[in-house]
């Protein structure tokens, strides 16, 4: 039996000008690459795009399919009246209404209007959508009854969704239903529709976009499991299976987004390997969300900096995601990330017209 084949885009270039046939465009976005790392089982070799097109891409159906998925433009996300084109990275602002959030300490938990105003402020600062959560997923957090979670998020969704795109961050079908009924436009599930057996049906029926995030054992919680032989390939394969399961459940593939789950059931070395190989996930043919803002790994790499002092690391990881063609960056610090991306975009635009 032949080992599975994976393609990791490498050798990114600033511009395709003068490189006809030598580079490929990444997911219809602003990045071009000149080579693949071809990964088959335990073997890994580098191959230029020209050589790939002339050999493996022409003779191996698996390779051709992977290449097509990697290079195909992603369909826009329809979020209410807003159409989000995915040919460039966008910011999703994190809005927690939990008393035990690891980042904001639950400051917005008891005041729905203040929470909604915080969401509107993020939109004004450049966020493309608001990712609203009512249950903490930090390590050690207690499971919340779905009724309490609904009480937290419902009044905020009602206020926000009239004028702002809202994603509901939950693993519970009843919470998804409540949020969608009040106008939410998207679902973000840390369990990839595994934790609640009804969640796939709810998303399929609503016809909304959904984020499928990787964690080692979602049925036990987002931080269960752990231990990888090859975290990059195992995470890819797991997400590929979840995309297939979601499509089988009736969810439109064009509306499925994948998230490698930085920090969820992963050691520092695992997180670094995933970040180094982010471009591999374009082989799933789906938009990618990256949620690395203020994560523990930043503290681990910067003298144990506390949560409130991780802006620099968060921006570094956001730009790493942009360089890898990630379409959605889930962040706490919206204004700063939007500014960083505008500068990144300016440099990309200059590279395209300056040759």
C-alpha atoms as a PDB file:
ATOM      1  CA  UNK A   1       0.000   0.000   0.000  1.00  0.00           C
ATOM      2  CA  UNK A   2       1.359   3.386  -1.006  1.00  0.00           C
ATOM      3  CA  UNK A   3       1.964   5.873   1.807  1.00  0.00           C
ATOM      4  CA  UNK A   4      -0.199   8.988   1.934  1.00  0.00           C
ATOM      5  CA  UNK A   5       1.079  11.944  -0.033  1.00  0.00           C
ATOM      6  CA  UNK A   6       1.198  15.510   1.307  1.00  0.00           C
ATOM      7  CA  UNK A   7       2.465  18.689  -0.340  1.00  0.00           C
ATOM      8  CA  UNK A   8       3.978  21.549   1.644  1.00  0.00           C
ATOM      9  CA  UNK A   9       4.404  24.761  -0.382  1.00  0.00           C
ATOM     10  CA  UNK A  10       7.882  26.267   0.123  1.00  0.00           C
ATOM     11  CA  UNK A  11      10.231  28.855  -1.385  1.00  0.00           C
ATOM     12  CA  UNK A  12       7.780  31.748  -1.310  1.00  0.00           C
ATOM     13  CA  UNK A  13       8.504  34.658  -3.659  1.00  0.00           C
ATOM     14  CA  UNK A  14       7.443  38.310  -3.615  1.00  0.00           C
ATOM     15  CA  UNK A  15       6.095  38.384  -7.148  1.00  0.00           C
ATOM     16  CA  UNK A  16       5.216  35.979  -9.986  1.00  0.00           C
ATOM     17  CA  UNK A  17       6.379  38.496 -12.591  1.00  0.00           C
ATOM     18  CA  UNK A  18       8.962  36.940 -14.873  1.00  0.00           C
ATOM     19  CA  UNK A  19       8.450  33.501 -13.334  1.00  0.00           C
ATOM     20  CA  UNK A  20       5.847  31.983 -15.661  1.00  0.00           C
ATOM     21  CA  UNK A  21       5.657  28.248 -15.081  1.00  0.00           C
ATOM     22  CA  UNK A  22       8.077  28.450 -12.187  1.00  0.00           C
ATOM     23  CA  UNK A  23       5.694  29.519  -9.409  1.00  0.00           C
ATOM     24  CA  UNK A  24       2.148  28.752  -8.294  1.00  0.00           C
ATOM     25  CA  UNK A  25      -0.374  30.962  -6.521  1.00  0.00           C
ATOM     26  CA  UNK A  26      -1.390  29.900  -3.022  1.00  0.00           C
ATOM     27  CA  UNK A  27      -5.172  29.485  -2.591  1.00  0.00           C
ATOM     28  CA  UNK A  28      -5.912  32.378  -4.940  1.00  0.00           C
ATOM     29  CA  UNK A  29      -4.316  34.776  -2.467  1.00  0.00           C
ATOM     30  CA  UNK A  30      -1.362  37.145  -2.318  1.00  0.00           C
ATOM     31  CA  UNK A  31       1.378  34.530  -1.983  1.00  0.00           C
ATOM     32  CA  UNK A  32       3.306  32.633  -4.642  1.00  0.00           C
ATOM     33  CA  UNK A  33       5.642  29.708  -4.098  1.00  0.00           C
ATOM     34  CA  UNK A  34       8.299  28.055  -6.207  1.00  0.00           C
ATOM     35  CA  UNK A  35       8.578  24.540  -4.757  1.00  0.00           C
ATOM     36  CA  UNK A  36       6.948  21.768  -2.763  1.00  0.00           C
ATOM     37  CA  UNK A  37       8.232  19.575  -0.033  1.00  0.00           C
ATOM     38  CA  UNK A  38       6.755  16.264  -1.183  1.00  0.00           C
ATOM     39  CA  UNK A  39       6.040  14.119   1.872  1.00  0.00           C
ATOM     40  CA  UNK A  40       5.307  10.402   1.450  1.00  0.00           C
ATOM     41  CA  UNK A  41       5.397   8.419   4.657  1.00  0.00           C
ATOM     42  CA  UNK A  42       8.851   8.907   6.175  1.00  0.00           C
ATOM     43  CA  UNK A  43      10.375  10.372   3.018  1.00  0.00           C
ATOM     44  CA  UNK A  44      10.553  14.064   2.223  1.00  0.00           C
ATOM     45  CA  UNK A  45      12.027  15.653  -0.888  1.00  0.00           C
ATOM     46  CA  UNK A  46      11.995  19.095  -2.429  1.00  0.00           C
ATOM     47  CA  UNK A  47      10.659  19.589  -5.937  1.00  0.00           C
ATOM     48  CA  UNK A  48      10.396  22.803  -7.946  1.00  0.00           C
ATOM     49  CA  UNK A  49       7.001  23.751  -9.323  1.00  0.00           C
ATOM     50  CA  UNK A  50       8.305  23.335 -12.866  1.00  0.00           C
ATOM     51  CA  UNK A  51       9.532  19.820 -12.122  1.00  0.00           C
ATOM     52  CA  UNK A  52       6.347  18.980 -10.231  1.00  0.00           C
ATOM     53  CA  UNK A  53       4.147  20.045 -13.138  1.00  0.00           C
ATOM     54  CA  UNK A  54       6.239  18.045 -15.590  1.00  0.00           C
ATOM     55  CA  UNK A  55       6.430  14.857 -13.537  1.00  0.00           C
ATOM     56  CA  UNK A  56       4.477  14.104 -10.376  1.00  0.00           C
ATOM     57  CA  UNK A  57       1.647  16.515 -11.073  1.00  0.00           C
ATOM     58  CA  UNK A  58       1.124  14.985 -14.500  1.00  0.00           C
ATOM     59  CA  UNK A  59       1.388  11.331 -13.503  1.00  0.00           C
ATOM     60  CA  UNK A  60      -0.018  10.996  -9.965  1.00  0.00           C
ATOM     61  CA  UNK A  61      -3.713  11.714  -9.448  1.00  0.00           C
ATOM     62  CA  UNK A  62      -3.181  12.209  -5.726  1.00  0.00           C
ATOM     63  CA  UNK A  63      -0.525  14.839  -6.315  1.00  0.00           C
ATOM     64  CA  UNK A  64      -2.607  16.599  -8.941  1.00  0.00           C
ATOM     65  CA  UNK A  65      -5.585  16.717  -6.588  1.00  0.00           C
ATOM     66  CA  UNK A  66      -3.483  18.100  -3.736  1.00  0.00           C
ATOM     67  CA  UNK A  67      -1.993  20.724  -6.046  1.00  0.00           C
ATOM     68  CA  UNK A  68      -5.448  21.738  -7.275  1.00  0.00           C
ATOM     69  CA  UNK A  69      -6.683  22.117  -3.694  1.00  0.00           C
ATOM     70  CA  UNK A  70      -3.652  24.185  -2.713  1.00  0.00           C
ATOM     71  CA  UNK A  71      -3.894  26.608  -5.612  1.00  0.00           C
ATOM     72  CA  UNK A  72      -7.669  26.961  -6.046  1.00  0.00           C
ATOM     73  CA  UNK A  73      -9.170  30.305  -4.951  1.00  0.00           C
ATOM     74  CA  UNK A  74     -11.348  30.069  -1.849  1.00  0.00           C
ATOM     75  CA  UNK A  75     -15.004  30.988  -2.134  1.00  0.00           C
ATOM     76  CA  UNK A  76     -15.987  34.198  -0.311  1.00  0.00           C
ATOM     77  CA  UNK A  77     -17.688  33.877   3.062  1.00  0.00           C
ATOM     78  CA  UNK A  78     -21.226  35.238   3.154  1.00  0.00           C
ATOM     79  CA  UNK A  79     -21.807  36.688   6.621  1.00  0.00           C
ATOM     80  CA  UNK A  80     -25.211  38.302   6.560  1.00  0.00           C
ATOM     81  CA  UNK A  81     -24.988  41.321   4.272  1.00  0.00           C
ATOM     82  CA  UNK A  82     -21.190  41.227   4.299  1.00  0.00           C
ATOM     83  CA  UNK A  83     -19.199  39.313   1.693  1.00  0.00           C
ATOM     84  CA  UNK A  84     -15.708  38.451   2.901  1.00  0.00           C
ATOM     85  CA  UNK A  85     -13.306  37.793   0.051  1.00  0.00           C
ATOM     86  CA  UNK A  86     -10.557  35.387   1.013  1.00  0.00           C
ATOM     87  CA  UNK A  87      -7.791  36.545  -1.300  1.00  0.00           C
ATOM     88  CA  UNK A  88      -6.134  38.316   1.650  1.00  0.00           C
ATOM     89  CA  UNK A  89      -5.968  37.798   5.425  1.00  0.00           C
ATOM     90  CA  UNK A  90      -8.712  39.128   7.697  1.00  0.00           C
ATOM     91  CA  UNK A  91      -8.984  39.640  11.432  1.00  0.00           C
ATOM     92  CA  UNK A  92     -11.587  37.943  13.628  1.00  0.00           C
ATOM     93  CA  UNK A  93     -11.855  39.784  16.927  1.00  0.00           C
ATOM     94  CA  UNK A  94     -12.145  37.647  20.068  1.00  0.00           C
ATOM     95  CA  UNK A  95     -14.995  38.626  22.387  1.00  0.00           C
ATOM     96  CA  UNK A  96     -15.324  36.553  25.558  1.00  0.00           C
ATOM     97  CA  UNK A  97     -18.301  36.877  27.884  1.00  0.00           C
ATOM     98  CA  UNK A  98     -16.975  34.417  30.423  1.00  0.00           C
ATOM     99  CA  UNK A  99     -16.055  35.131  34.043  1.00  0.00           C
ATOM    100  CA  UNK A 100     -12.960  32.936  33.786  1.00  0.00           C
ATOM    101  CA  UNK A 101     -11.445  33.953  30.462  1.00  0.00           C
ATOM    102  CA  UNK A 102      -7.684  33.414  30.493  1.00  0.00           C
ATOM    103  CA  UNK A 103      -7.110  36.731  28.726  1.00  0.00           C
ATOM    104  CA  UNK A 104      -9.507  39.453  29.815  1.00  0.00           C
ATOM    105  CA  UNK A 105     -10.465  38.165  33.242  1.00  0.00           C
ATOM    106  CA  UNK A 106     -14.181  38.190  32.508  1.00  0.00           C
ATOM    107  CA  UNK A 107     -14.510  41.973  32.434  1.00  0.00           C
ATOM    108  CA  UNK A 108     -17.505  41.851  30.060  1.00  0.00           C
ATOM    109  CA  UNK A 109     -19.323  38.930  31.639  1.00  0.00           C
ATOM    110  CA  UNK A 110     -22.160  40.760  33.394  1.00  0.00           C
ATOM    111  CA  UNK A 111     -22.923  43.562  30.931  1.00  0.00           C
ATOM    112  CA  UNK A 112     -24.284  42.565  27.499  1.00  0.00           C
ATOM    113  CA  UNK A 113     -24.314  46.139  26.222  1.00  0.00           C
ATOM    114  CA  UNK A 114     -20.693  46.690  27.248  1.00  0.00           C
ATOM    115  CA  UNK A 115     -19.773  43.430  25.523  1.00  0.00           C
ATOM    116  CA  UNK A 116     -21.606  44.446  22.362  1.00  0.00           C
ATOM    117  CA  UNK A 117     -19.950  47.860  22.440  1.00  0.00           C
ATOM    118  CA  UNK A 118     -16.566  46.132  22.704  1.00  0.00           C
ATOM    119  CA  UNK A 119     -17.482  44.132  19.610  1.00  0.00           C
ATOM    120  CA  UNK A 120     -18.553  47.236  17.691  1.00  0.00           C
ATOM    121  CA  UNK A 121     -15.267  48.864  18.695  1.00  0.00           C
ATOM    122  CA  UNK A 122     -13.334  45.942  17.200  1.00  0.00           C
ATOM    123  CA  UNK A 123     -15.305  46.268  13.962  1.00  0.00           C
ATOM    124  CA  UNK A 124     -14.509  49.989  13.884  1.00  0.00           C
ATOM    125  CA  UNK A 125     -10.831  49.139  14.320  1.00  0.00           C
ATOM    126  CA  UNK A 126     -10.857  46.831  11.316  1.00  0.00           C
ATOM    127  CA  UNK A 127     -12.067  43.396  12.431  1.00  0.00           C
ATOM    128  CA  UNK A 128     -13.939  41.574   9.682  1.00  0.00           C
ATOM    129  CA  UNK A 129     -16.038  39.621  12.192  1.00  0.00           C
ATOM    130  CA  UNK A 130     -16.494  39.052  15.912  1.00  0.00           C
ATOM    131  CA  UNK A 131     -15.926  35.595  17.398  1.00  0.00           C
ATOM    132  CA  UNK A 132     -18.131  35.471  20.488  1.00  0.00           C
ATOM    133  CA  UNK A 133     -17.637  32.858  23.182  1.00  0.00           C
ATOM    134  CA  UNK A 134     -19.582  32.137  26.371  1.00  0.00           C
ATOM    135  CA  UNK A 135     -17.574  29.199  27.718  1.00  0.00           C
ATOM    136  CA  UNK A 136     -13.888  29.282  28.587  1.00  0.00           C
ATOM    137  CA  UNK A 137     -11.699  26.709  26.825  1.00  0.00           C
ATOM    138  CA  UNK A 138      -8.579  27.478  28.835  1.00  0.00           C
ATOM    139  CA  UNK A 139      -6.826  24.466  30.386  1.00  0.00           C
ATOM    140  CA  UNK A 140      -8.657  23.296  33.492  1.00  0.00           C
ATOM    141  CA  UNK A 141     -11.865  25.220  32.801  1.00  0.00           C
ATOM    142  CA  UNK A 142     -15.083  23.617  34.065  1.00  0.00           C
ATOM    143  CA  UNK A 143     -17.780  22.447  31.691  1.00  0.00           C
ATOM    144  CA  UNK A 144     -20.636  24.971  31.498  1.00  0.00           C
ATOM    145  CA  UNK A 145     -24.290  23.987  31.276  1.00  0.00           C
ATOM    146  CA  UNK A 146     -25.647  24.989  27.880  1.00  0.00           C
ATOM    147  CA  UNK A 147     -28.500  26.991  29.423  1.00  0.00           C
ATOM    148  CA  UNK A 148     -26.037  29.233  31.238  1.00  0.00           C
ATOM    149  CA  UNK A 149     -23.952  29.593  28.114  1.00  0.00           C
ATOM    150  CA  UNK A 150     -27.014  30.695  26.153  1.00  0.00           C
ATOM    151  CA  UNK A 151     -27.863  33.274  28.829  1.00  0.00           C
ATOM    152  CA  UNK A 152     -24.395  34.732  28.423  1.00  0.00           C
ATOM    153  CA  UNK A 153     -24.250  34.959  24.646  1.00  0.00           C
ATOM    154  CA  UNK A 154     -27.865  35.541  23.579  1.00  0.00           C
ATOM    155  CA  UNK A 155     -28.233  39.230  24.527  1.00  0.00           C
ATOM    156  CA  UNK A 156     -24.830  40.027  23.048  1.00  0.00           C
ATOM    157  CA  UNK A 157     -25.607  38.305  19.743  1.00  0.00           C
ATOM    158  CA  UNK A 158     -28.927  40.164  19.541  1.00  0.00           C
ATOM    159  CA  UNK A 159     -27.152  43.490  19.875  1.00  0.00           C
ATOM    160  CA  UNK A 160     -24.175  42.740  17.636  1.00  0.00           C
ATOM    161  CA  UNK A 161     -25.612  40.723  14.769  1.00  0.00           C
ATOM    162  CA  UNK A 162     -27.881  43.504  13.504  1.00  0.00           C
ATOM    163  CA  UNK A 163     -24.896  45.353  12.079  1.00  0.00           C
ATOM    164  CA  UNK A 164     -21.768  43.220  12.605  1.00  0.00           C
ATOM    165  CA  UNK A 165     -20.779  39.734  11.374  1.00  0.00           C
ATOM    166  CA  UNK A 166     -20.815  37.370  14.356  1.00  0.00           C
ATOM    167  CA  UNK A 167     -19.306  33.913  14.776  1.00  0.00           C
ATOM    168  CA  UNK A 168     -20.444  31.864  17.768  1.00  0.00           C
ATOM    169  CA  UNK A 169     -17.592  30.029  19.466  1.00  0.00           C
ATOM    170  CA  UNK A 170     -19.204  26.949  21.025  1.00  0.00           C
ATOM    171  CA  UNK A 171     -19.195  23.151  20.931  1.00  0.00           C
ATOM    172  CA  UNK A 172     -22.859  22.783  21.970  1.00  0.00           C
ATOM    173  CA  UNK A 173     -25.667  22.387  19.433  1.00  0.00           C
ATOM    174  CA  UNK A 174     -28.243  24.173  21.615  1.00  0.00           C
ATOM    175  CA  UNK A 175     -25.965  27.199  21.925  1.00  0.00           C
ATOM    176  CA  UNK A 176     -25.374  27.185  18.170  1.00  0.00           C
ATOM    177  CA  UNK A 177     -29.129  27.131  17.593  1.00  0.00           C
ATOM    178  CA  UNK A 178     -29.759  29.951  20.044  1.00  0.00           C
ATOM    179  CA  UNK A 179     -27.065  32.148  18.550  1.00  0.00           C
ATOM    180  CA  UNK A 180     -28.085  31.454  14.949  1.00  0.00           C
ATOM    181  CA  UNK A 181     -31.717  32.176  15.783  1.00  0.00           C
ATOM    182  CA  UNK A 182     -30.610  35.569  17.090  1.00  0.00           C
ATOM    183  CA  UNK A 183     -28.667  36.422  13.955  1.00  0.00           C
ATOM    184  CA  UNK A 184     -25.195  34.869  14.269  1.00  0.00           C
ATOM    185  CA  UNK A 185     -23.610  34.206  10.886  1.00  0.00           C
ATOM    186  CA  UNK A 186     -21.008  31.497  11.542  1.00  0.00           C
ATOM    187  CA  UNK A 187     -20.054  28.705  13.957  1.00  0.00           C
ATOM    188  CA  UNK A 188     -16.593  28.109  15.419  1.00  0.00           C
ATOM    189  CA  UNK A 189     -16.365  24.705  17.135  1.00  0.00           C
ATOM    190  CA  UNK A 190     -13.213  23.727  19.040  1.00  0.00           C
ATOM    191  CA  UNK A 191     -14.381  20.105  18.849  1.00  0.00           C
ATOM    192  CA  UNK A 192     -14.838  20.085  15.043  1.00  0.00           C
ATOM    193  CA  UNK A 193     -18.507  19.039  15.495  1.00  0.00           C
ATOM    194  CA  UNK A 194     -17.608  15.985  17.591  1.00  0.00           C
ATOM    195  CA  UNK A 195     -18.470  16.977  21.167  1.00  0.00           C
ATOM    196  CA  UNK A 196     -22.214  17.304  20.495  1.00  0.00           C
ATOM    197  CA  UNK A 197     -23.787  14.733  18.182  1.00  0.00           C
ATOM    198  CA  UNK A 198     -26.385  17.246  16.937  1.00  0.00           C
ATOM    199  CA  UNK A 199     -23.977  20.018  15.998  1.00  0.00           C
ATOM    200  CA  UNK A 200     -23.315  18.933  12.405  1.00  0.00           C
ATOM    201  CA  UNK A 201     -27.059  18.749  11.751  1.00  0.00           C
ATOM    202  CA  UNK A 202     -27.551  22.238  13.192  1.00  0.00           C
ATOM    203  CA  UNK A 203     -24.814  23.738  11.026  1.00  0.00           C
ATOM    204  CA  UNK A 204     -25.974  21.930   7.885  1.00  0.00           C
ATOM    205  CA  UNK A 205     -29.552  23.048   8.381  1.00  0.00           C
ATOM    206  CA  UNK A 206     -28.534  26.664   8.941  1.00  0.00           C
ATOM    207  CA  UNK A 207     -26.230  26.674   5.903  1.00  0.00           C
ATOM    208  CA  UNK A 208     -23.637  28.853   7.632  1.00  0.00           C
ATOM    209  CA  UNK A 209     -19.844  28.697   7.509  1.00  0.00           C
ATOM    210  CA  UNK A 210     -18.189  26.587  10.200  1.00  0.00           C
ATOM    211  CA  UNK A 211     -14.685  26.388  11.658  1.00  0.00           C
ATOM    212  CA  UNK A 212     -13.429  22.879  12.439  1.00  0.00           C
ATOM    213  CA  UNK A 213     -10.580  23.025  14.957  1.00  0.00           C
ATOM    214  CA  UNK A 214      -8.164  20.230  15.767  1.00  0.00           C
ATOM    215  CA  UNK A 215      -7.596  18.889  19.250  1.00  0.00           C
ATOM    216  CA  UNK A 216      -6.340  15.393  20.111  1.00  0.00           C
ATOM    217  CA  UNK A 217      -9.544  14.028  21.708  1.00  0.00           C
ATOM    218  CA  UNK A 218     -12.475  16.467  21.442  1.00  0.00           C
ATOM    219  CA  UNK A 219     -14.890  14.087  23.155  1.00  0.00           C
ATOM    220  CA  UNK A 220     -12.859  14.498  26.354  1.00  0.00           C
ATOM    221  CA  UNK A 221     -12.328  18.236  26.013  1.00  0.00           C
ATOM    222  CA  UNK A 222     -10.117  20.544  23.954  1.00  0.00           C
ATOM    223  CA  UNK A 223      -6.960  19.853  25.962  1.00  0.00           C
ATOM    224  CA  UNK A 224      -7.167  16.074  26.250  1.00  0.00           C
ATOM    225  CA  UNK A 225      -4.856  13.572  24.621  1.00  0.00           C
ATOM    226  CA  UNK A 226      -1.459  14.560  23.280  1.00  0.00           C
ATOM    227  CA  UNK A 227       1.663  12.842  22.028  1.00  0.00           C
ATOM    228  CA  UNK A 228       2.439  12.842  18.319  1.00  0.00           C
ATOM    229  CA  UNK A 229       4.808  11.024  16.015  1.00  0.00           C
ATOM    230  CA  UNK A 230       4.421  13.763  13.387  1.00  0.00           C
ATOM    231  CA  UNK A 231       2.086  16.505  14.619  1.00  0.00           C
ATOM    232  CA  UNK A 232       1.869  18.268  11.248  1.00  0.00           C
ATOM    233  CA  UNK A 233       0.807  15.224   9.231  1.00  0.00           C
ATOM    234  CA  UNK A 234      -1.424  13.820  11.991  1.00  0.00           C
ATOM    235  CA  UNK A 235      -3.243  17.132  12.411  1.00  0.00           C
ATOM    236  CA  UNK A 236      -3.699  17.431   8.643  1.00  0.00           C
ATOM    237  CA  UNK A 237      -5.069  13.907   8.326  1.00  0.00           C
ATOM    238  CA  UNK A 238      -7.421  14.390  11.285  1.00  0.00           C
ATOM    239  CA  UNK A 239      -8.803  17.614   9.829  1.00  0.00           C
ATOM    240  CA  UNK A 240      -9.166  15.992   6.423  1.00  0.00           C
ATOM    241  CA  UNK A 241     -11.333  13.306   8.013  1.00  0.00           C
ATOM    242  CA  UNK A 242     -13.415  15.957   9.807  1.00  0.00           C
ATOM    243  CA  UNK A 243     -13.941  17.891   6.569  1.00  0.00           C
ATOM    244  CA  UNK A 244     -15.169  14.686   4.930  1.00  0.00           C
ATOM    245  CA  UNK A 245     -17.485  13.960   7.864  1.00  0.00           C
ATOM    246  CA  UNK A 246     -18.896  17.477   7.758  1.00  0.00           C
ATOM    247  CA  UNK A 247     -19.496  17.270   4.017  1.00  0.00           C
ATOM    248  CA  UNK A 248     -21.195  13.892   4.446  1.00  0.00           C
ATOM    249  CA  UNK A 249     -23.457  15.512   7.055  1.00  0.00           C
ATOM    250  CA  UNK A 250     -24.618  18.001   4.430  1.00  0.00           C
ATOM    251  CA  UNK A 251     -22.348  20.965   5.104  1.00  0.00           C
ATOM    252  CA  UNK A 252     -21.182  22.773   1.973  1.00  0.00           C
ATOM    253  CA  UNK A 253     -17.420  22.233   1.548  1.00  0.00           C
ATOM    254  CA  UNK A 254     -17.067  25.840   0.402  1.00  0.00           C
ATOM    255  CA  UNK A 255     -18.254  26.914   3.856  1.00  0.00           C
ATOM    256  CA  UNK A 256     -15.815  24.784   5.872  1.00  0.00           C
ATOM    257  CA  UNK A 257     -12.823  26.489   7.517  1.00  0.00           C
ATOM    258  CA  UNK A 258     -10.039  24.563   9.277  1.00  0.00           C
ATOM    259  CA  UNK A 259      -7.994  25.510  12.327  1.00  0.00           C
ATOM    260  CA  UNK A 260      -4.904  23.509  13.414  1.00  0.00           C
ATOM    261  CA  UNK A 261      -5.679  24.265  17.067  1.00  0.00           C
ATOM    262  CA  UNK A 262      -2.512  25.956  18.292  1.00  0.00           C
ATOM    263  CA  UNK A 263      -2.167  25.315  22.030  1.00  0.00           C
ATOM    264  CA  UNK A 264      -4.897  22.691  22.267  1.00  0.00           C
ATOM    265  CA  UNK A 265      -3.407  19.422  23.492  1.00  0.00           C
ATOM    266  CA  UNK A 266      -0.018  20.344  22.071  1.00  0.00           C
ATOM    267  CA  UNK A 267       3.434  20.955  23.506  1.00  0.00           C
ATOM    268  CA  UNK A 268       5.571  23.934  22.531  1.00  0.00           C
ATOM    269  CA  UNK A 269       7.468  21.834  19.994  1.00  0.00           C
ATOM    270  CA  UNK A 270       4.170  20.710  18.451  1.00  0.00           C
ATOM    271  CA  UNK A 271       2.929  24.283  18.128  1.00  0.00           C
ATOM    272  CA  UNK A 272       6.176  25.386  16.504  1.00  0.00           C
ATOM    273  CA  UNK A 273       6.017  22.494  14.032  1.00  0.00           C
ATOM    274  CA  UNK A 274       2.445  23.425  13.074  1.00  0.00           C
ATOM    275  CA  UNK A 275       3.347  27.074  12.615  1.00  0.00           C
ATOM    276  CA  UNK A 276       6.342  26.124  10.503  1.00  0.00           C
ATOM    277  CA  UNK A 277       4.165  23.960   8.268  1.00  0.00           C
ATOM    278  CA  UNK A 278       0.953  26.023   8.120  1.00  0.00           C
ATOM    279  CA  UNK A 279       0.954  26.106   4.333  1.00  0.00           C
ATOM    280  CA  UNK A 280       0.417  22.321   4.283  1.00  0.00           C
ATOM    281  CA  UNK A 281      -3.190  22.845   5.387  1.00  0.00           C
ATOM    282  CA  UNK A 282      -4.081  24.536   2.100  1.00  0.00           C
ATOM    283  CA  UNK A 283      -4.052  20.984   0.752  1.00  0.00           C
ATOM    284  CA  UNK A 284      -7.440  20.515   2.431  1.00  0.00           C
ATOM    285  CA  UNK A 285      -8.951  22.976  -0.036  1.00  0.00           C
ATOM    286  CA  UNK A 286     -10.450  25.049   2.788  1.00  0.00           C
ATOM    287  CA  UNK A 287      -9.762  28.502   4.228  1.00  0.00           C
ATOM    288  CA  UNK A 288      -7.558  28.419   7.318  1.00  0.00           C
ATOM    289  CA  UNK A 289      -8.129  30.134  10.657  1.00  0.00           C
ATOM    290  CA  UNK A 290      -5.167  30.662  12.979  1.00  0.00           C
ATOM    291  CA  UNK A 291      -5.791  31.319  16.664  1.00  0.00           C
ATOM    292  CA  UNK A 292      -2.433  31.966  18.320  1.00  0.00           C
ATOM    293  CA  UNK A 293      -3.122  35.316  19.984  1.00  0.00           C
ATOM    294  CA  UNK A 294      -1.693  35.615  23.529  1.00  0.00           C
ATOM    295  CA  UNK A 295      -1.190  31.844  23.688  1.00  0.00           C
ATOM    296  CA  UNK A 296       0.967  30.210  26.339  1.00  0.00           C
ATOM    297  CA  UNK A 297       3.679  29.409  23.798  1.00  0.00           C
ATOM    298  CA  UNK A 298       4.454  33.137  23.552  1.00  0.00           C
ATOM    299  CA  UNK A 299       5.171  33.242  27.255  1.00  0.00           C
ATOM    300  CA  UNK A 300       7.274  30.104  26.974  1.00  0.00           C
ATOM    301  CA  UNK A 301       9.427  31.775  24.324  1.00  0.00           C
ATOM    302  CA  UNK A 302       9.702  35.165  26.072  1.00  0.00           C
ATOM    303  CA  UNK A 303      10.738  34.717  29.694  1.00  0.00           C
ATOM    304  CA  UNK A 304       7.273  33.623  30.808  1.00  0.00           C
ATOM    305  CA  UNK A 305       5.650  36.910  29.805  1.00  0.00           C
ATOM    306  CA  UNK A 306       2.167  37.116  31.364  1.00  0.00           C
ATOM    307  CA  UNK A 307      -0.948  37.173  29.183  1.00  0.00           C
ATOM    308  CA  UNK A 308      -1.172  40.956  29.169  1.00  0.00           C
ATOM    309  CA  UNK A 309       2.378  41.305  27.861  1.00  0.00           C
ATOM    310  CA  UNK A 310       2.201  39.094  24.773  1.00  0.00           C
ATOM    311  CA  UNK A 311       1.319  41.631  22.091  1.00  0.00           C
ATOM    312  CA  UNK A 312       4.654  41.419  20.310  1.00  0.00           C
ATOM    313  CA  UNK A 313       4.528  37.643  20.132  1.00  0.00           C
ATOM    314  CA  UNK A 314       0.913  37.711  19.008  1.00  0.00           C
ATOM    315  CA  UNK A 315       1.772  40.049  16.133  1.00  0.00           C
ATOM    316  CA  UNK A 316       4.726  37.884  15.138  1.00  0.00           C
ATOM    317  CA  UNK A 317       2.476  34.836  14.920  1.00  0.00           C
ATOM    318  CA  UNK A 318      -0.226  36.750  13.021  1.00  0.00           C
ATOM    319  CA  UNK A 319       2.320  37.813  10.409  1.00  0.00           C
ATOM    320  CA  UNK A 320       3.639  34.252  10.252  1.00  0.00           C
ATOM    321  CA  UNK A 321       0.096  33.214   9.419  1.00  0.00           C
ATOM    322  CA  UNK A 322      -0.245  35.901   6.756  1.00  0.00           C
ATOM    323  CA  UNK A 323       3.025  34.778   5.172  1.00  0.00           C
ATOM    324  CA  UNK A 324       1.657  31.222   5.036  1.00  0.00           C
ATOM    325  CA  UNK A 325      -1.544  32.357   3.319  1.00  0.00           C
ATOM    326  CA  UNK A 326      -3.867  32.028   6.321  1.00  0.00           C
ATOM    327  CA  UNK A 327      -7.164  33.758   5.563  1.00  0.00           C
ATOM    328  CA  UNK A 328      -8.554  34.359   9.079  1.00  0.00           C
ATOM    329  CA  UNK A 329      -6.527  35.471  12.099  1.00  0.00           C
ATOM    330  CA  UNK A 330      -8.357  35.155  15.418  1.00  0.00           C
ATOM    331  CA  UNK A 331      -6.928  37.800  17.743  1.00  0.00           C
ATOM    332  CA  UNK A 332      -7.484  39.818  20.915  1.00  0.00           C
ATOM    333  CA  UNK A 333      -5.548  42.914  19.832  1.00  0.00           C
ATOM    334  CA  UNK A 334      -7.521  43.981  16.794  1.00  0.00           C
ATOM    335  CA  UNK A 335      -6.184  47.480  16.091  1.00  0.00           C
ATOM    336  CA  UNK A 336      -2.553  46.423  16.353  1.00  0.00           C
ATOM    337  CA  UNK A 337      -3.039  43.320  14.206  1.00  0.00           C
ATOM    338  CA  UNK A 338      -4.971  45.231  11.551  1.00  0.00           C
ATOM    339  CA  UNK A 339      -2.193  47.804  11.388  1.00  0.00           C
ATOM    340  CA  UNK A 340       0.445  45.084  11.067  1.00  0.00           C
ATOM    341  CA  UNK A 341      -1.511  43.459   8.245  1.00  0.00           C
ATOM    342  CA  UNK A 342      -1.948  46.769   6.439  1.00  0.00           C
ATOM    343  CA  UNK A 343       1.806  47.250   6.436  1.00  0.00           C
ATOM    344  CA  UNK A 344       2.248  43.620   5.330  1.00  0.00           C
ATOM    345  CA  UNK A 345      -0.285  44.191   2.540  1.00  0.00           C
ATOM    346  CA  UNK A 346       1.470  47.396   1.489  1.00  0.00           C
ATOM    347  CA  UNK A 347       4.744  45.544   1.104  1.00  0.00           C
ATOM    348  CA  UNK A 348       3.030  42.785  -0.888  1.00  0.00           C
ATOM    349  CA  UNK A 349       1.410  45.349  -3.203  1.00  0.00           C
ATOM    350  CA  UNK A 350       4.712  47.169  -3.681  1.00  0.00           C
ATOM    351  CA  UNK A 351       6.425  43.910  -4.635  1.00  0.00           C
ATOM    352  CA  UNK A 352       3.806  43.250  -7.299  1.00  0.00           C
ATOM    353  CA  UNK A 353       4.076  46.648  -9.021  1.00  0.00           C
ATOM    354  CA  UNK A 354       7.730  47.444  -8.406  1.00  0.00           C
ATOM    355  CA  UNK A 355       9.317  45.081 -10.883  1.00  0.00           C
END
